Amino acid sequence: MKTYVHNIKKTIKQSIIVALVLLLGTTQINAQETTYSVYSVEGINTEGADFSPMYYKDNVVFASERPDKRTVRHRWGKDKRTFLDLYIAKVEDSTNLVKEIDYFSIDKLNTTYHESNAVFTNDHQTIYFTRNNYYKKRYRTDKRGINKLKLYKATRNEEDTAWEDLEELPFNSDEFSTGHPALSADNKTLYFTSDREGGFGKTDIYKVKINEDGSYGEVMNLGQDINTTGKEMFPFVTKDNKLYFSSDGRKGLGGLDIYKYNLNSKDKATSLGTSINSSADDFGIVINETQNPRRGYFSSNRAGGLGDDDIYGFTEQRIAEEIKPCEQSVTGYVRDKELKIPLANAKVTIKQREDSKTIATITTDLQGKFSYKLPCNNNYTAIASKEYYKPDQDIFSTTDTAKLDLDLAFDLGLVDGLTYNNRNEIIINIKPIYFATNKSTIRPDAARELDYIVSIMQKYPKMIIKAASHTDSRGRDSYNEALSKRRAESTMNYITRKGISSNRITAQGYGETQLTNGCINGVRCSKGEHQLNRRTEFIIIRLKE
C-alpha cells in the first residue's frame, strides 16, 4: 500500500485520488484471546493494488487495478495507473491457491472509474459497493472540483444472470465521501465509512437501518468507542455482532491496524495483535465463520508482497484461556450512624488480618457504596473512616465460592466535640452561648465556649464553620434580625482575634426565625424560656477532606 498511497499523494490534486485517500484507517493494542497464522494467497496478487476481499457464494470478490483488455480503460496519475475494478476469484482453501480470476460483472457495476469494497446480502441477490461519484454516465465533483466516493446498490435479475436496478444510496453527497459498506448478520443494518461533517475525526464509521420497504433510517455515528480524531474505516461485522475495522487514530504498530469491537457488550476496542498487524497498513478484513478454525482474508502493503496492496489469508489459532484465580466481590456501604444517610467519599481500608498489610483503600460513591474483589479463602479486616467521624471496622473471610458477594455495613458516629442540632446540621458541641437582652457583647461564660471553638478548629485545620446567631421573639422582627447579625459577627470577631483565619468562618443572623421552643410572638414565656432562644450555634458547613 505504500506505493499506492505515495502515488495518491503525488496526484492529490486529482479529485478521484483525493477521495480515495480520505477512506483509509486503525485502533489500539490489547491482550488477545486469539492469534492468527498468516499466509500469502498464491495467484491473486499483482504488482498493483489488490485489496478488500469479500466472500460471494464460494468465491472471493476483491478490488484490483490489474489491466483488463476487454474494456476501454482510463488511466490516472503521472504513471498512468489503471482504475480499480471488482474481480472475482475462486480460491482453493486446502492449498491456498487461486484456481481462476475473472472480471466481476461487466454489466452495470464496473465503469471507467474506481469500484471497490463490495458486500453482499445473505441470499447473494443484492450488492452494496463503493464507486467514484459517477452515476448514469455523469461525473460530479464537490465545490472544490474534487470527485468524492459514493455507495451504490444493485440487485440480481430473476434469471440470476446479471446485476440490474443500480441505484445511488440516498445519504450520499457530492460534498463528502461515503464508502466501505458492511452488513449486519441479519442484513438490517448497513455500516459504512464517511468523512461527512459532524464526525470525530478524518473519517468515521457510521450505521443506518435498512427498513423492510427498502428505505433507510437515520444515519448514526458509532461514537467515540470506535471513532477517534484519526481515520476509522473498512468495517466488517460477524454473526455474533463483532465489528472489525481499521484505524490510525490509536496507538498501534504503525499505519492502519485492524481492531475488534463487541457491539453487544461494548467493551474496549482491541487490536488483533502482531500476528495480523504490522508497521504498514493492514485493513479490509473478512472472516469465514462457517469454518473451524475460522479462516479469512485481509489486505496489507507490508514488506515482502508482490506489489502495492496485497491480499493475505489467515487462520485463527485459539490461545488456551488463562485460568483466573478465585476472587470474591466484597460490597457494602458507609452511612451516618445517627441520621442513617449515606456518606460519600468515605474511605474503606482493607487489610490482611494476619499481618495487617493494607490490600486496598476504596472510596465510597455518592450513595455511600463501595465494592472490591479479593482472593478467595483469606481473612481480612475492613476499616471505614471519614473526617469528623469515629472509624468503624469489621472482620470477615472470603470463601471458595467465586460468585458469592460479601456485604459489609458501616455506621459512623461523630467524633467527640461534634453533634447535631434540631435541624440535623453538624455543629460543634458546646454549651449554649447566651447574650444579655438587647446585647451583642461576649459574656465571660461565652468566652470560655468560644475558646473551645478555637481549639476544635485548630485540631481540624480544614474545618469551615458558620456562626449562626438567634434572638428571642420579643421586639420587632427587623430589630431582632439586625441584633442577631451583630451577635454572630461579635462571636466571629472573637474567634478570628484568637488566630483563626477569617476565610474559615462566616457569620449569619437569623433573628427570631428559628426558635427552639414555642415562645413566639403573643405567647407568655418566662425569662429562662426566652433565654434559650438567645443563642449562637457553630455549624460545620464544609466537611472538607
Protein backbone atom coordinates (compact mmCIF):
# COMPACT_ATOMS: atom_id res chain seq x y z
CA MET A 1 0.00 0.00 0.00
CA LYS A 2 2.99 2.33 0.41
CA THR A 3 3.39 2.74 -3.35
CA TYR A 4 -0.33 3.24 -3.76
CA VAL A 5 -0.58 5.87 -1.04
CA HIS A 6 2.59 7.54 -2.32
CA ASN A 7 1.15 7.82 -5.81
CA ILE A 8 -2.12 9.11 -4.39
CA LYS A 9 -0.26 11.83 -2.50
CA LYS A 10 1.66 12.75 -5.66
CA THR A 11 -1.59 13.26 -7.55
CA ILE A 12 -3.59 14.64 -4.66
CA LYS A 13 -4.96 17.43 -6.78
CA GLN A 14 -6.80 14.88 -8.85
CA SER A 15 -10.31 14.63 -7.49
CA ILE A 16 -10.68 10.88 -7.62
CA ILE A 17 -7.45 10.21 -5.78
CA VAL A 18 -8.19 12.72 -3.04
CA ALA A 19 -11.47 10.96 -2.44
CA LEU A 20 -9.71 7.61 -2.26
CA VAL A 21 -7.16 8.87 0.26
CA LEU A 22 -9.93 10.07 2.54
CA LEU A 23 -11.05 6.49 3.06
CA LEU A 24 -8.22 4.52 4.74
CA GLY A 25 -7.79 3.61 8.74
CA THR A 26 -6.97 1.57 12.62
CA THR A 27 -7.27 1.36 16.67
CA GLN A 28 -5.40 0.08 19.84
CA ILE A 29 -3.33 -2.88 21.11
CA ASN A 30 -4.68 -5.02 23.94
CA ALA A 31 -4.15 -8.61 25.06
CA GLN A 32 -5.76 -11.17 22.77
CA GLU A 33 -7.54 -14.49 23.22
CA THR A 34 -6.83 -15.36 19.58
CA THR A 35 -3.70 -15.35 17.43
CA TYR A 36 -3.51 -15.79 13.68
CA SER A 37 -1.45 -17.78 11.23
CA VAL A 38 -0.96 -15.55 8.15
CA TYR A 39 -0.05 -16.83 4.67
CA SER A 40 0.22 -15.49 1.13
CA VAL A 41 -2.59 -16.26 -1.28
CA GLU A 42 -0.91 -17.58 -4.41
CA GLY A 43 -2.15 -16.24 -7.74
CA ILE A 44 -4.36 -13.36 -6.61
CA ASN A 45 -1.88 -10.52 -6.10
CA THR A 46 -0.24 -8.37 -8.76
CA GLU A 47 2.34 -5.59 -8.85
CA GLY A 48 -0.51 -3.14 -8.43
CA ALA A 49 -3.16 -2.74 -5.73
CA ASP A 50 -5.26 -5.77 -4.73
CA PHE A 51 -7.33 -5.36 -1.57
CA SER A 52 -10.65 -5.56 0.33
CA PRO A 53 -11.71 -9.18 -0.31
CA MET A 54 -15.32 -10.20 0.39
CA TYR A 55 -16.99 -13.62 0.21
CA TYR A 56 -19.55 -14.13 -2.56
CA LYS A 57 -21.06 -17.62 -2.62
CA ASP A 58 -17.99 -19.90 -2.82
CA ASN A 59 -15.83 -17.17 -4.29
CA VAL A 60 -13.96 -14.04 -3.23
CA VAL A 61 -14.70 -10.63 -4.76
CA PHE A 62 -11.95 -8.03 -4.39
CA ALA A 63 -10.73 -4.68 -5.77
CA SER A 64 -7.79 -4.65 -8.15
CA GLU A 65 -6.08 -2.33 -10.61
CA ARG A 66 -4.91 -5.22 -12.84
CA PRO A 67 -5.44 -4.26 -16.51
CA ASP A 68 -8.37 -5.89 -18.32
CA LYS A 69 -8.23 -5.97 -22.11
CA ARG A 70 -11.97 -6.50 -22.55
CA THR A 71 -12.86 -2.92 -21.66
CA VAL A 72 -11.64 0.52 -22.65
CA ARG A 73 -9.84 1.80 -19.55
CA HIS A 74 -8.98 5.32 -18.47
CA ARG A 75 -5.73 5.91 -16.62
CA TRP A 76 -4.94 8.16 -13.70
CA GLY A 77 -1.78 9.77 -12.30
CA LYS A 78 1.50 10.63 -13.89
CA ASP A 79 2.42 6.96 -14.11
CA LYS A 80 -0.90 6.18 -15.87
CA ARG A 81 -2.21 3.65 -13.37
CA THR A 82 -5.28 1.57 -14.04
CA PHE A 83 -8.50 2.45 -12.23
CA LEU A 84 -9.78 -0.08 -9.68
CA ASP A 85 -12.42 -2.63 -10.66
CA LEU A 86 -14.13 -5.53 -8.93
CA TYR A 87 -12.82 -9.03 -9.70
CA ILE A 88 -13.92 -12.49 -8.60
CA ALA A 89 -11.60 -15.32 -7.63
CA LYS A 90 -12.12 -18.99 -6.88
CA VAL A 91 -9.74 -19.91 -4.04
CA GLU A 92 -8.88 -23.46 -3.05
CA ASP A 93 -8.78 -23.34 0.76
CA SER A 94 -6.86 -26.56 1.17
CA THR A 95 -3.92 -25.33 -0.93
CA ASN A 96 -4.46 -21.57 -0.62
CA LEU A 97 -4.15 -21.38 -4.42
CA VAL A 98 -6.38 -19.27 -6.65
CA LYS A 99 -7.92 -21.52 -9.26
CA GLU A 100 -9.21 -18.77 -11.53
CA ILE A 101 -9.83 -14.99 -11.60
CA ASP A 102 -12.44 -13.21 -13.67
CA TYR A 103 -13.72 -9.71 -14.22
CA PHE A 104 -16.72 -9.30 -11.87
CA SER A 105 -19.76 -8.27 -13.87
CA ILE A 106 -19.08 -6.26 -17.00
CA ASP A 107 -22.70 -5.11 -16.80
CA LYS A 108 -23.76 -2.19 -14.60
CA LEU A 109 -21.10 -2.41 -11.88
CA ASN A 110 -17.59 -1.76 -13.21
CA THR A 111 -17.06 1.52 -15.03
CA THR A 112 -14.11 3.53 -16.32
CA TYR A 113 -13.57 4.88 -12.79
CA HIS A 114 -12.86 3.30 -9.36
CA GLU A 115 -15.03 0.47 -7.95
CA SER A 116 -14.09 -1.31 -4.73
CA ASN A 117 -15.26 -2.67 -1.36
CA ALA A 118 -18.30 -4.81 -2.13
CA VAL A 119 -20.62 -6.56 0.33
CA PHE A 120 -23.49 -8.96 -0.41
CA THR A 121 -26.74 -9.86 1.31
CA ASN A 122 -27.13 -13.37 2.69
CA ASP A 123 -29.10 -14.53 -0.37
CA HIS A 124 -26.42 -13.06 -2.69
CA GLN A 125 -29.10 -11.12 -4.56
CA THR A 126 -28.09 -7.62 -3.51
CA ILE A 127 -24.71 -5.89 -3.64
CA TYR A 128 -23.54 -2.68 -1.98
CA PHE A 129 -20.25 -1.28 -3.26
CA THR A 130 -18.08 1.83 -3.44
CA ARG A 131 -17.58 3.87 -6.61
CA ASN A 132 -16.46 7.34 -7.55
CA ASN A 133 -19.24 9.89 -7.92
CA TYR A 134 -20.09 8.63 -11.40
CA TYR A 135 -23.71 7.67 -11.99
CA LYS A 136 -25.77 7.40 -15.16
CA LYS A 137 -22.67 8.46 -17.12
CA ARG A 138 -22.41 11.73 -15.19
CA TYR A 139 -19.18 12.57 -13.39
CA ARG A 140 -19.76 15.01 -10.49
CA THR A 141 -17.45 16.89 -8.14
CA ASP A 142 -17.79 18.95 -5.00
CA LYS A 143 -17.50 22.75 -4.85
CA ARG A 144 -13.71 22.50 -4.98
CA GLY A 145 -13.73 20.29 -8.04
CA ILE A 146 -12.92 17.07 -6.14
CA ASN A 147 -14.72 13.89 -7.08
CA LYS A 148 -15.90 12.06 -3.93
CA LEU A 149 -16.76 8.41 -3.25
CA LYS A 150 -20.33 7.15 -3.02
CA LEU A 151 -22.21 3.98 -2.11
CA TYR A 152 -24.30 2.17 -4.71
CA LYS A 153 -26.69 -0.76 -4.65
CA ALA A 154 -27.73 -3.29 -7.30
CA THR A 155 -29.79 -6.49 -7.40
CA ARG A 156 -29.70 -9.69 -9.44
CA ASN A 157 -32.33 -10.21 -12.11
CA GLU A 158 -34.82 -13.07 -11.95
CA GLU A 159 -32.64 -15.27 -14.16
CA ASP A 160 -29.67 -14.63 -11.87
CA THR A 161 -27.59 -13.72 -14.88
CA ALA A 162 -26.91 -10.02 -14.42
CA TRP A 163 -26.97 -7.12 -11.98
CA GLU A 164 -29.69 -4.56 -12.51
CA ASP A 165 -31.63 -1.75 -10.81
CA LEU A 166 -28.42 0.10 -9.98
CA GLU A 167 -29.10 2.99 -7.62
CA GLU A 168 -27.18 5.54 -5.60
CA LEU A 169 -27.90 5.43 -1.86
CA PRO A 170 -29.83 8.48 -0.60
CA PHE A 171 -27.39 9.50 2.14
CA ASN A 172 -24.53 10.12 -0.31
CA SER A 173 -23.45 13.65 -1.13
CA ASP A 174 -21.36 15.41 -3.75
CA GLU A 175 -19.64 17.26 -0.88
CA PHE A 176 -18.25 14.32 1.14
CA SER A 177 -17.22 10.70 0.62
CA THR A 178 -19.22 7.63 1.63
CA GLY A 179 -17.93 4.09 1.13
CA HIS A 180 -16.67 0.77 2.57
CA PRO A 181 -20.07 -0.91 3.14
CA ALA A 182 -20.64 -3.76 5.62
CA LEU A 183 -23.83 -5.57 6.62
CA SER A 184 -25.04 -6.91 9.94
CA ALA A 185 -25.76 -10.65 10.12
CA ASP A 186 -29.49 -10.07 9.65
CA ASN A 187 -28.87 -7.63 6.77
CA LYS A 188 -30.97 -4.98 8.55
CA THR A 189 -28.12 -2.59 9.31
CA LEU A 190 -25.62 -1.12 6.86
CA TYR A 191 -22.28 0.08 8.22
CA PHE A 192 -20.03 2.39 6.21
CA THR A 193 -17.21 4.94 6.32
CA SER A 194 -17.58 8.66 5.71
CA ASP A 195 -15.79 11.98 6.15
CA ARG A 196 -19.06 13.92 6.46
CA GLU A 197 -19.31 16.87 8.85
CA GLY A 198 -20.11 16.19 12.49
CA GLY A 199 -17.74 13.26 12.93
CA PHE A 200 -14.95 12.82 15.45
CA GLY A 201 -12.03 12.57 13.05
CA LYS A 202 -10.85 12.47 9.46
CA THR A 203 -13.15 9.54 8.65
CA ASP A 204 -15.64 7.82 10.96
CA ILE A 205 -17.69 4.65 10.84
CA TYR A 206 -21.47 5.11 10.67
CA LYS A 207 -24.53 2.87 10.54
CA VAL A 208 -28.01 3.15 9.06
CA LYS A 209 -31.07 0.93 9.42
CA ILE A 210 -32.40 -0.77 6.28
CA ASN A 211 -36.19 -0.78 6.52
CA GLU A 212 -38.48 -3.58 5.28
CA ASP A 213 -39.62 -1.43 2.34
CA GLY A 214 -36.02 -0.82 1.25
CA SER A 215 -35.85 2.71 2.62
CA TYR A 216 -33.22 3.82 5.11
CA GLY A 217 -33.38 5.18 8.63
CA GLU A 218 -31.31 7.91 10.23
CA VAL A 219 -27.56 7.83 9.70
CA MET A 220 -25.85 7.40 13.08
CA ASN A 221 -22.20 7.80 14.07
CA LEU A 222 -20.86 4.79 16.04
CA GLY A 223 -19.42 7.16 18.64
CA GLN A 224 -16.10 7.61 20.41
CA ASP A 225 -15.82 3.97 21.49
CA ILE A 226 -14.99 3.35 17.82
CA ASN A 227 -14.10 6.66 16.20
CA THR A 228 -11.10 8.83 17.02
CA THR A 229 -9.58 12.03 15.67
CA GLY A 230 -7.85 9.90 13.06
CA LYS A 231 -9.29 7.62 10.37
CA GLU A 232 -11.61 4.67 11.09
CA MET A 233 -12.75 2.63 8.10
CA PHE A 234 -13.15 -0.76 6.38
CA PRO A 235 -15.81 -2.21 8.74
CA PHE A 236 -16.81 -5.89 8.79
CA VAL A 237 -19.46 -7.40 11.11
CA THR A 238 -19.60 -11.07 12.17
CA LYS A 239 -22.64 -13.17 13.00
CA ASP A 240 -22.02 -12.72 16.73
CA ASN A 241 -22.02 -8.92 16.25
CA LYS A 242 -18.28 -8.33 16.44
CA LEU A 243 -17.19 -5.26 14.48
CA TYR A 244 -13.77 -5.47 12.83
CA PHE A 245 -12.36 -2.21 11.47
CA SER A 246 -9.15 -0.37 10.71
CA SER A 247 -7.88 2.82 12.35
CA ASP A 248 -4.83 5.04 12.61
CA GLY A 249 -6.24 7.08 15.49
CA ARG A 250 -4.96 4.87 18.31
CA LYS A 251 -1.53 3.79 19.45
CA GLY A 252 -0.86 0.86 17.16
CA LEU A 253 2.01 -0.78 15.34
CA GLY A 254 2.06 1.83 12.58
CA GLY A 255 -0.13 2.83 9.68
CA LEU A 256 -3.55 1.20 9.73
CA ASP A 257 -4.12 -1.61 12.22
CA ILE A 258 -7.13 -3.92 12.43
CA TYR A 259 -9.25 -3.89 15.61
CA LYS A 260 -12.20 -5.80 17.03
CA TYR A 261 -15.14 -4.33 18.98
CA ASN A 262 -18.07 -6.19 20.54
CA LEU A 263 -21.23 -4.30 19.51
CA ASN A 264 -23.22 -6.18 22.17
CA SER A 265 -21.09 -5.70 25.27
CA LYS A 266 -19.41 -2.50 24.00
CA ASP A 267 -16.08 -3.43 25.55
CA LYS A 268 -12.95 -1.54 24.60
CA ALA A 269 -11.79 -1.99 21.00
CA THR A 270 -8.80 -4.35 20.90
CA SER A 271 -6.05 -4.79 18.34
CA LEU A 272 -5.74 -8.12 16.54
CA GLY A 273 -2.12 -8.04 17.63
CA THR A 274 1.20 -8.57 15.95
CA SER A 275 0.22 -11.81 14.24
CA ILE A 276 -2.10 -9.80 11.94
CA ASN A 277 -0.99 -6.18 12.20
CA SER A 278 2.32 -4.81 11.00
CA SER A 279 4.13 -1.47 10.85
CA ALA A 280 2.47 -0.91 7.45
CA ASP A 281 -1.24 -0.53 6.56
CA ASP A 282 -3.46 -3.51 7.47
CA PHE A 283 -7.13 -3.30 6.56
CA GLY A 284 -10.14 -4.78 4.79
CA ILE A 285 -10.57 -7.98 6.85
CA VAL A 286 -13.24 -10.61 6.12
CA ILE A 287 -13.88 -13.84 8.08
CA ASN A 288 -15.47 -17.13 7.01
CA GLU A 289 -17.42 -18.11 10.12
CA THR A 290 -18.57 -21.49 8.81
CA GLN A 291 -15.09 -22.99 9.07
CA ASN A 292 -13.46 -24.37 12.19
CA PRO A 293 -10.97 -22.98 12.87
CA ARG A 294 -12.17 -19.78 11.29
CA ARG A 295 -10.32 -18.52 8.22
CA GLY A 296 -10.33 -15.25 6.35
CA TYR A 297 -8.51 -12.64 4.33
CA PHE A 298 -7.20 -9.13 4.85
CA SER A 299 -5.22 -6.52 2.92
CA SER A 300 -1.77 -5.13 3.66
CA ASN A 301 1.08 -3.26 2.00
CA ARG A 302 3.68 -4.84 4.28
CA ALA A 303 7.15 -5.66 3.02
CA GLY A 304 7.52 -8.93 1.14
CA GLY A 305 4.42 -8.67 -1.03
CA LEU A 306 4.23 -8.68 -4.82
CA GLY A 307 3.46 -5.01 -5.18
CA ASP A 308 1.26 -2.36 -3.66
CA ASP A 309 -1.63 -3.63 -1.53
CA ASP A 310 -1.74 -7.43 -1.41
CA ILE A 311 -4.35 -9.86 -0.10
CA TYR A 312 -3.29 -12.28 2.64
CA GLY A 313 -5.07 -15.25 4.16
CA PHE A 314 -5.16 -16.20 7.82
CA THR A 315 -6.33 -18.98 10.12
CA GLU A 316 -7.39 -18.35 13.71
CA GLN A 317 -5.48 -20.12 16.45
CA ARG A 318 -7.04 -20.13 19.89
CA ILE A 319 -4.79 -19.47 22.85
CA ALA A 320 -5.60 -21.54 25.90
CA GLU A 321 -7.74 -19.43 28.17
CA GLU A 322 -5.89 -18.21 31.21
CA ILE A 323 -7.16 -19.72 34.43
CA LYS A 324 -8.06 -16.79 36.60
CA PRO A 325 -7.57 -17.03 40.36
CA CYS A 326 -10.66 -17.33 42.50
CA GLU A 327 -11.98 -13.96 43.64
CA GLN A 328 -14.98 -12.79 45.62
CA SER A 329 -16.69 -9.45 45.37
CA VAL A 330 -16.84 -7.50 48.63
CA THR A 331 -19.51 -4.81 48.62
CA GLY A 332 -21.06 -2.58 51.23
CA TYR A 333 -21.98 0.91 52.33
CA VAL A 334 -20.97 3.56 54.83
CA ARG A 335 -23.56 5.81 56.46
CA ASP A 336 -24.05 8.32 59.25
CA LYS A 337 -24.93 6.39 62.40
CA GLU A 338 -27.35 8.98 63.77
CA LEU A 339 -29.04 10.22 60.60
CA LYS A 340 -28.87 6.93 58.64
CA ILE A 341 -27.82 8.78 55.50
CA PRO A 342 -25.07 7.63 53.10
CA LEU A 343 -21.59 9.08 53.49
CA ALA A 344 -19.95 9.81 50.15
CA ASN A 345 -16.14 9.91 49.84
CA ALA A 346 -15.63 7.83 52.96
CA LYS A 347 -12.54 5.60 52.96
CA VAL A 348 -12.72 1.83 53.36
CA THR A 349 -9.31 0.29 54.04
CA ILE A 350 -8.99 -3.48 53.67
CA LYS A 351 -6.13 -5.23 55.47
CA GLN A 352 -4.97 -8.79 55.77
CA ARG A 353 -5.88 -9.96 59.23
CA GLU A 354 -2.69 -11.98 59.75
CA ASP A 355 -0.11 -9.21 59.22
CA SER A 356 -2.27 -6.04 58.95
CA LYS A 357 -0.89 -5.40 55.47
CA THR A 358 -3.10 -2.96 53.57
CA ILE A 359 -4.63 -4.60 50.50
CA ALA A 360 -6.70 -1.68 49.19
CA THR A 361 -8.21 1.66 50.11
CA ILE A 362 -11.59 2.27 48.48
CA THR A 363 -13.64 5.48 48.30
CA THR A 364 -17.43 5.32 48.58
CA ASP A 365 -19.59 6.76 45.82
CA LEU A 366 -22.35 9.35 46.15
CA GLN A 367 -24.65 6.67 47.59
CA GLY A 368 -22.05 5.70 50.17
CA LYS A 369 -21.43 2.35 48.42
CA PHE A 370 -18.18 0.55 47.62
CA SER A 371 -17.04 -2.72 46.06
CA TYR A 372 -13.77 -4.60 45.63
CA LYS A 373 -12.63 -8.06 44.51
CA LEU A 374 -10.50 -10.11 46.90
CA PRO A 375 -8.82 -13.52 46.65
CA CYS A 376 -10.83 -16.45 47.98
CA ASN A 377 -10.11 -18.23 51.28
CA ASN A 378 -8.47 -15.35 53.12
CA ASN A 379 -9.12 -13.37 56.32
CA TYR A 380 -9.49 -9.60 56.28
CA THR A 381 -10.24 -6.54 58.37
CA ALA A 382 -12.15 -3.61 56.83
CA ILE A 383 -11.97 -0.16 58.43
CA ALA A 384 -14.34 2.64 57.38
CA SER A 385 -13.34 6.21 58.15
CA LYS A 386 -14.22 9.79 57.32
CA GLU A 387 -13.01 13.06 58.78
CA TYR A 388 -15.09 14.25 61.76
CA TYR A 389 -16.36 10.66 62.29
CA LYS A 390 -15.16 7.86 64.53
CA PRO A 391 -13.93 4.89 62.46
CA ASP A 392 -15.82 1.62 62.36
CA GLN A 393 -14.42 -1.77 61.44
CA ASP A 394 -15.46 -5.33 60.68
CA ILE A 395 -13.64 -8.62 60.21
CA PHE A 396 -14.62 -11.07 57.50
CA SER A 397 -13.34 -14.01 55.49
CA THR A 398 -13.68 -14.89 51.84
CA THR A 399 -14.67 -18.44 50.94
CA ASP A 400 -14.01 -20.68 47.95
CA THR A 401 -17.22 -19.68 46.15
CA ALA A 402 -16.19 -17.22 43.45
CA LYS A 403 -19.66 -15.85 42.74
CA LEU A 404 -20.57 -15.16 46.34
CA ASP A 405 -20.88 -11.47 47.26
CA LEU A 406 -19.87 -10.40 50.75
CA ASP A 407 -21.83 -7.41 52.05
CA LEU A 408 -20.45 -5.12 54.75
CA ALA A 409 -22.19 -2.23 56.52
CA PHE A 410 -20.55 0.58 58.46
CA ASP A 411 -22.31 3.17 60.65
CA LEU A 412 -20.04 6.06 61.62
CA GLY A 413 -20.74 8.29 64.59
CA LEU A 414 -19.40 11.80 65.01
CA VAL A 415 -16.15 12.34 66.89
CA ASP A 416 -16.23 13.85 70.36
CA GLY A 417 -16.79 17.57 70.15
CA LEU A 418 -19.34 17.43 67.33
CA THR A 419 -23.07 16.83 67.47
CA TYR A 420 -26.31 17.62 65.62
CA ASN A 421 -28.74 20.49 66.12
CA ASN A 422 -32.51 20.17 65.84
CA ARG A 423 -32.24 20.59 62.05
CA ASN A 424 -29.79 17.67 61.72
CA GLU A 425 -26.90 20.00 60.95
CA ILE A 426 -23.48 19.03 62.31
CA ILE A 427 -22.37 21.59 64.86
CA ILE A 428 -19.54 21.95 67.35
CA ASN A 429 -20.80 20.58 70.65
CA ILE A 430 -20.54 23.39 73.20
CA LYS A 431 -22.65 24.81 75.97
CA PRO A 432 -25.07 27.43 74.64
CA ILE A 433 -23.60 30.87 74.12
CA TYR A 434 -26.13 33.28 75.54
CA PHE A 435 -26.36 37.03 75.29
CA ALA A 436 -27.90 39.59 77.58
CA THR A 437 -31.16 41.12 76.43
CA ASN A 438 -30.58 43.52 73.52
CA LYS A 439 -26.81 42.99 73.80
CA SER A 440 -24.16 41.55 71.48
CA THR A 441 -21.15 41.69 73.77
CA ILE A 442 -19.35 38.46 74.64
CA ARG A 443 -20.02 37.40 78.25
CA PRO A 444 -17.28 35.60 80.27
CA ASP A 445 -19.18 32.32 80.13
CA ALA A 446 -19.50 32.68 76.37
CA ALA A 447 -15.78 33.42 76.01
CA ARG A 448 -14.90 30.05 77.59
CA GLU A 449 -17.04 28.26 74.98
CA LEU A 450 -15.58 30.31 72.14
CA ASP A 451 -12.09 29.34 73.26
CA TYR A 452 -13.20 25.71 72.88
CA ILE A 453 -14.38 26.50 69.33
CA VAL A 454 -10.91 27.83 68.60
CA SER A 455 -9.30 24.63 69.90
CA ILE A 456 -11.55 22.45 67.71
CA MET A 457 -10.72 24.50 64.62
CA GLN A 458 -7.03 24.22 65.41
CA LYS A 459 -7.41 20.44 65.69
CA TYR A 460 -9.16 20.31 62.29
CA PRO A 461 -7.35 22.94 60.18
CA LYS A 462 -9.58 22.37 57.14
CA MET A 463 -12.85 22.83 59.01
CA ILE A 464 -15.03 25.72 57.85
CA ILE A 465 -17.89 26.86 60.06
CA LYS A 466 -20.76 29.30 60.20
CA ALA A 467 -21.66 31.27 63.34
CA ALA A 468 -25.48 31.28 63.38
CA SER A 469 -26.99 33.66 65.97
CA HIS A 470 -30.61 33.82 67.11
CA THR A 471 -32.78 36.10 69.26
CA ASP A 472 -35.95 35.55 71.25
CA SER A 473 -39.29 36.74 69.89
CA ARG A 474 -39.54 39.94 71.92
CA GLY A 475 -39.08 43.13 69.92
CA ARG A 476 -39.65 43.95 66.26
CA ASP A 477 -38.66 41.32 63.68
CA SER A 478 -36.35 43.72 61.84
CA TYR A 479 -34.64 44.76 65.05
CA ASN A 480 -34.13 41.13 66.09
CA GLU A 481 -32.63 40.28 62.70
CA ALA A 482 -30.12 43.13 62.99
CA LEU A 483 -29.35 42.21 66.60
CA SER A 484 -28.68 38.58 65.73
CA LYS A 485 -26.36 39.64 62.94
CA ARG A 486 -24.36 41.79 65.38
CA ARG A 487 -24.14 38.86 67.80
CA ALA A 488 -22.93 36.50 65.05
CA GLU A 489 -20.30 38.99 63.94
CA SER A 490 -19.24 39.51 67.56
CA THR A 491 -18.53 35.79 68.01
CA MET A 492 -16.79 35.61 64.63
CA ASN A 493 -14.53 38.54 65.52
CA TYR A 494 -13.64 36.92 68.84
CA ILE A 495 -12.59 33.71 67.08
CA THR A 496 -10.52 35.44 64.39
CA ARG A 497 -8.74 37.51 67.04
CA LYS A 498 -7.61 34.18 68.51
CA GLY A 499 -5.74 33.36 65.28
CA ILE A 500 -8.34 31.53 63.17
CA SER A 501 -8.31 32.70 59.54
CA SER A 502 -11.31 34.81 58.56
CA ASN A 503 -11.90 32.65 55.47
CA ARG A 504 -12.77 29.71 57.72
CA ILE A 505 -15.74 31.32 59.47
CA THR A 506 -18.80 33.25 58.33
CA ALA A 507 -21.50 34.97 60.39
CA GLN A 508 -25.25 34.98 59.84
CA GLY A 509 -28.11 36.30 61.94
CA TYR A 510 -31.50 34.58 61.88
CA GLY A 511 -33.39 36.84 64.26
CA GLU A 512 -36.39 35.02 65.75
CA THR A 513 -36.99 32.75 62.72
CA GLN A 514 -35.55 29.58 64.32
CA LEU A 515 -36.86 29.42 67.88
CA THR A 516 -36.09 26.32 69.96
CA ASN A 517 -39.43 26.42 71.80
CA GLY A 518 -42.95 27.79 71.48
CA CYS A 519 -42.15 31.29 72.74
CA ILE A 520 -43.41 33.06 69.61
CA ASN A 521 -44.99 36.49 69.40
CA GLY A 522 -48.01 36.79 71.71
CA VAL A 523 -47.07 33.81 73.89
CA ARG A 524 -46.21 34.48 77.53
CA CYS A 525 -42.89 32.84 78.49
CA SER A 526 -40.51 33.06 81.42
CA LYS A 527 -37.15 34.81 81.23
CA GLY A 528 -35.45 31.42 81.22
CA GLU A 529 -37.53 30.23 78.26
CA HIS A 530 -36.70 33.37 76.29
CA GLN A 531 -33.02 32.97 77.23
CA LEU A 532 -32.94 29.57 75.46
CA ASN A 533 -33.60 31.31 72.15
CA ARG A 534 -30.84 33.92 72.55
CA ARG A 535 -28.02 31.66 71.37
CA THR A 536 -25.28 31.14 68.79
CA GLU A 537 -24.52 27.80 67.13
CA PHE A 538 -21.40 26.90 65.15
CA ILE A 539 -22.42 24.83 62.14
CA ILE A 540 -19.85 22.92 60.11
CA ILE A 541 -20.69 23.99 56.58
CA ARG A 542 -17.89 22.11 54.80
CA LEU A 543 -16.60 18.71 55.78
CA LYS A 544 -13.54 19.11 53.60
CA GLU A 545 -11.33 16.05 53.30
